Amino acid sequence: SCYGTTGNRDQTLGNLKRVIDRLELTTCPYIICGDFNIEVQEVSDKLVEWKLQARTMHGGASCFSKESSSTIDFFITSQMFRAQSISCYTAESGLATHRPVMLMFQSFQDTGRVK
């Protein structure tokens, strides 16, 4: 999991880049989740700039204040998960400012029984 530095996007992006670089070296699939404190589109753009096949997944607005909402809680999945059917959504919560973000693989959503 990752927690972005509030108010310091450069530090957050630098930390994220170091983590992803290390994960990419393993050649194993990975999922990073967290409160990045940066809008999801900005991280998506950075993944492209860094020439990575990883992608962001989010379930919509997840952080709320009196004045606005933002999508700063999300997942980054490695390219090895691109062929998987994965859904992402936010859940209602009693938390004051954040909604939990869920990631679910389609194979675990099917309710059909195996015979």
C-alpha atoms as a PDB file:
ATOM      1  CA  SER A   1       0.000   0.000   0.000  1.00  0.00           C
ATOM      2  CA  CYS A   2       1.023   3.583  -0.519  1.00  0.00           C
ATOM      3  CA  TYR A   3       0.215   6.818   1.269  1.00  0.00           C
ATOM      4  CA  GLY A   4       1.068   9.938  -0.676  1.00  0.00           C
ATOM      5  CA  THR A   5       2.653  12.900   1.067  1.00  0.00           C
ATOM      6  CA  THR A   6      -0.084  15.489   1.573  1.00  0.00           C
ATOM      7  CA  GLY A   7       0.716  18.692  -0.288  1.00  0.00           C
ATOM      8  CA  ASN A   8       3.935  17.377  -1.865  1.00  0.00           C
ATOM      9  CA  ARG A   9       3.170  15.782  -5.230  1.00  0.00           C
ATOM     10  CA  ASP A  10       6.828  15.643  -6.306  1.00  0.00           C
ATOM     11  CA  GLN A  11       7.813  13.619  -3.244  1.00  0.00           C
ATOM     12  CA  THR A  12       4.817  11.317  -3.691  1.00  0.00           C
ATOM     13  CA  LEU A  13       5.595  10.742  -7.370  1.00  0.00           C
ATOM     14  CA  GLY A  14       9.282  10.179  -6.596  1.00  0.00           C
ATOM     15  CA  ASN A  15       8.443   7.592  -3.926  1.00  0.00           C
ATOM     16  CA  LEU A  16       5.938   5.911  -6.223  1.00  0.00           C
ATOM     17  CA  LYS A  17       8.458   5.767  -9.079  1.00  0.00           C
ATOM     18  CA  ARG A  18      11.045   4.092  -6.818  1.00  0.00           C
ATOM     19  CA  VAL A  19       8.501   1.502  -5.650  1.00  0.00           C
ATOM     20  CA  ILE A  20       7.276   0.726  -9.167  1.00  0.00           C
ATOM     21  CA  ASP A  21      10.824   0.486 -10.524  1.00  0.00           C
ATOM     22  CA  ARG A  22      11.670  -2.119  -7.873  1.00  0.00           C
ATOM     23  CA  LEU A  23       8.477  -4.061  -8.525  1.00  0.00           C
ATOM     24  CA  GLU A  24       9.075  -4.038 -12.287  1.00  0.00           C
ATOM     25  CA  LEU A  25      12.520  -5.587 -11.719  1.00  0.00           C
ATOM     26  CA  THR A  26      10.906  -8.630 -10.094  1.00  0.00           C
ATOM     27  CA  THR A  27       8.896  -9.430 -13.258  1.00  0.00           C
ATOM     28  CA  CYS A  28       6.071 -10.509 -10.922  1.00  0.00           C
ATOM     29  CA  PRO A  29       2.517  -9.144 -11.124  1.00  0.00           C
ATOM     30  CA  TYR A  30       1.761  -6.410  -8.603  1.00  0.00           C
ATOM     31  CA  ILE A  31      -1.060  -4.264  -7.291  1.00  0.00           C
ATOM     32  CA  ILE A  32      -0.400  -1.039  -5.404  1.00  0.00           C
ATOM     33  CA  CYS A  33      -3.289   0.470  -3.496  1.00  0.00           C
ATOM     34  CA  GLY A  34      -3.535   3.566  -1.411  1.00  0.00           C
ATOM     35  CA  ASP A  35      -4.427   7.123  -0.674  1.00  0.00           C
ATOM     36  CA  PHE A  36      -2.007   8.755  -3.085  1.00  0.00           C
ATOM     37  CA  ASN A  37      -3.114  12.341  -2.316  1.00  0.00           C
ATOM     38  CA  ILE A  38      -2.801  13.005  -6.070  1.00  0.00           C
ATOM     39  CA  GLU A  39      -5.621  12.834  -8.608  1.00  0.00           C
ATOM     40  CA  VAL A  40      -5.782   9.518 -10.448  1.00  0.00           C
ATOM     41  CA  GLN A  41      -5.393  11.147 -13.891  1.00  0.00           C
ATOM     42  CA  GLU A  42      -2.073  12.689 -12.887  1.00  0.00           C
ATOM     43  CA  VAL A  43      -0.723   9.276 -11.864  1.00  0.00           C
ATOM     44  CA  SER A  44      -2.103   7.713 -15.071  1.00  0.00           C
ATOM     45  CA  ASP A  45      -0.252  10.350 -17.087  1.00  0.00           C
ATOM     46  CA  LYS A  46       2.969   9.648 -15.161  1.00  0.00           C
ATOM     47  CA  LEU A  47       2.714   5.906 -15.843  1.00  0.00           C
ATOM     48  CA  VAL A  48       2.617   6.711 -19.572  1.00  0.00           C
ATOM     49  CA  GLU A  49       5.496   9.192 -19.234  1.00  0.00           C
ATOM     50  CA  TRP A  50       7.520   6.539 -17.380  1.00  0.00           C
ATOM     51  CA  LYS A  51       6.767   4.147 -20.293  1.00  0.00           C
ATOM     52  CA  LEU A  52       5.076   1.599 -18.044  1.00  0.00           C
ATOM     53  CA  GLN A  53       2.286  -0.764 -19.033  1.00  0.00           C
ATOM     54  CA  ALA A  54       0.764  -0.506 -15.543  1.00  0.00           C
ATOM     55  CA  ARG A  55      -2.631   1.172 -15.283  1.00  0.00           C
ATOM     56  CA  THR A  56      -4.692   2.917 -12.655  1.00  0.00           C
ATOM     57  CA  MET A  57      -8.098   1.651 -11.572  1.00  0.00           C
ATOM     58  CA  HIS A  58     -10.570   3.653  -9.520  1.00  0.00           C
ATOM     59  CA  GLY A  59     -14.193   3.587  -8.522  1.00  0.00           C
ATOM     60  CA  GLY A  60     -14.901   7.299  -8.813  1.00  0.00           C
ATOM     61  CA  ALA A  61     -14.710  10.025  -6.213  1.00  0.00           C
ATOM     62  CA  SER A  62     -13.378   8.695  -2.926  1.00  0.00           C
ATOM     63  CA  CYS A  63     -12.370  11.761  -0.905  1.00  0.00           C
ATOM     64  CA  PHE A  64     -14.868  14.415   0.111  1.00  0.00           C
ATOM     65  CA  SER A  65     -14.767  17.836   1.725  1.00  0.00           C
ATOM     66  CA  LYS A  66     -17.459  20.473   2.120  1.00  0.00           C
ATOM     67  CA  GLU A  67     -16.287  22.179  -1.067  1.00  0.00           C
ATOM     68  CA  SER A  68     -15.268  19.343  -3.391  1.00  0.00           C
ATOM     69  CA  SER A  69     -14.599  15.690  -4.078  1.00  0.00           C
ATOM     70  CA  SER A  70     -11.566  13.986  -5.586  1.00  0.00           C
ATOM     71  CA  THR A  71     -10.314  10.622  -6.764  1.00  0.00           C
ATOM     72  CA  ILE A  72      -7.094  10.152  -4.791  1.00  0.00           C
ATOM     73  CA  ASP A  73      -7.749   6.625  -3.464  1.00  0.00           C
ATOM     74  CA  PHE A  74      -7.147   4.036  -6.177  1.00  0.00           C
ATOM     75  CA  PHE A  75      -5.133   1.049  -7.414  1.00  0.00           C
ATOM     76  CA  ILE A  76      -2.204   0.630  -9.788  1.00  0.00           C
ATOM     77  CA  THR A  77      -2.090  -2.781 -11.454  1.00  0.00           C
ATOM     78  CA  SER A  78       0.837  -4.174 -13.420  1.00  0.00           C
ATOM     79  CA  GLN A  79       0.478  -5.023 -17.091  1.00  0.00           C
ATOM     80  CA  MET A  80       0.261  -8.715 -16.188  1.00  0.00           C
ATOM     81  CA  PHE A  81      -3.292  -8.061 -14.972  1.00  0.00           C
ATOM     82  CA  ARG A  82      -4.491  -6.432 -18.225  1.00  0.00           C
ATOM     83  CA  ALA A  83      -6.038  -9.684 -19.478  1.00  0.00           C
ATOM     84  CA  GLN A  84      -7.993 -10.136 -16.234  1.00  0.00           C
ATOM     85  CA  SER A  85     -11.542  -8.961 -15.815  1.00  0.00           C
ATOM     86  CA  ILE A  86     -11.253  -6.687 -12.792  1.00  0.00           C
ATOM     87  CA  SER A  87     -13.781  -4.206 -11.456  1.00  0.00           C
ATOM     88  CA  CYS A  88     -13.219  -1.335  -9.075  1.00  0.00           C
ATOM     89  CA  TYR A  89     -15.765   0.574  -7.029  1.00  0.00           C
ATOM     90  CA  THR A  90     -16.172   2.714  -3.927  1.00  0.00           C
ATOM     91  CA  ALA A  91     -18.309   1.600  -1.013  1.00  0.00           C
ATOM     92  CA  GLU A  92     -20.556   3.640   1.234  1.00  0.00           C
ATOM     93  CA  SER A  93     -18.954   4.238   4.589  1.00  0.00           C
ATOM     94  CA  GLY A  94     -19.372   6.060   7.852  1.00  0.00           C
ATOM     95  CA  LEU A  95     -15.899   7.554   7.470  1.00  0.00           C
ATOM     96  CA  ALA A  96     -15.932  11.330   7.516  1.00  0.00           C
ATOM     97  CA  THR A  97     -13.832  12.085   4.431  1.00  0.00           C
ATOM     98  CA  HIS A  98     -12.978   8.897   2.519  1.00  0.00           C
ATOM     99  CA  ARG A  99     -14.859   6.015   0.935  1.00  0.00           C
ATOM    100  CA  PRO A 100     -13.186   2.593   0.825  1.00  0.00           C
ATOM    101  CA  VAL A 101     -12.156   1.546  -2.686  1.00  0.00           C
ATOM    102  CA  MET A 102     -12.612  -2.113  -3.633  1.00  0.00           C
ATOM    103  CA  LEU A 103     -10.915  -4.129  -6.370  1.00  0.00           C
ATOM    104  CA  MET A 104     -12.436  -7.444  -7.371  1.00  0.00           C
ATOM    105  CA  PHE A 105     -11.422 -10.068  -9.913  1.00  0.00           C
ATOM    106  CA  GLN A 106     -14.328 -11.285 -12.063  1.00  0.00           C
ATOM    107  CA  SER A 107     -13.610 -14.939 -11.230  1.00  0.00           C
ATOM    108  CA  PHE A 108     -14.413 -14.151  -7.588  1.00  0.00           C
ATOM    109  CA  GLN A 109     -17.634 -12.344  -8.497  1.00  0.00           C
ATOM    110  CA  ASP A 110     -19.253 -15.237 -10.349  1.00  0.00           C
ATOM    111  CA  THR A 111     -21.915 -16.905  -8.260  1.00  0.00           C
ATOM    112  CA  GLY A 112     -22.377 -19.974 -10.443  1.00  0.00           C
ATOM    113  CA  ARG A 113     -21.527 -23.284  -8.824  1.00  0.00           C
ATOM    114  CA  VAL A 114     -18.929 -25.609 -10.251  1.00  0.00           C
ATOM    115  CA  LYS A 115     -20.337 -29.052 -11.063  1.00  0.00           C
END
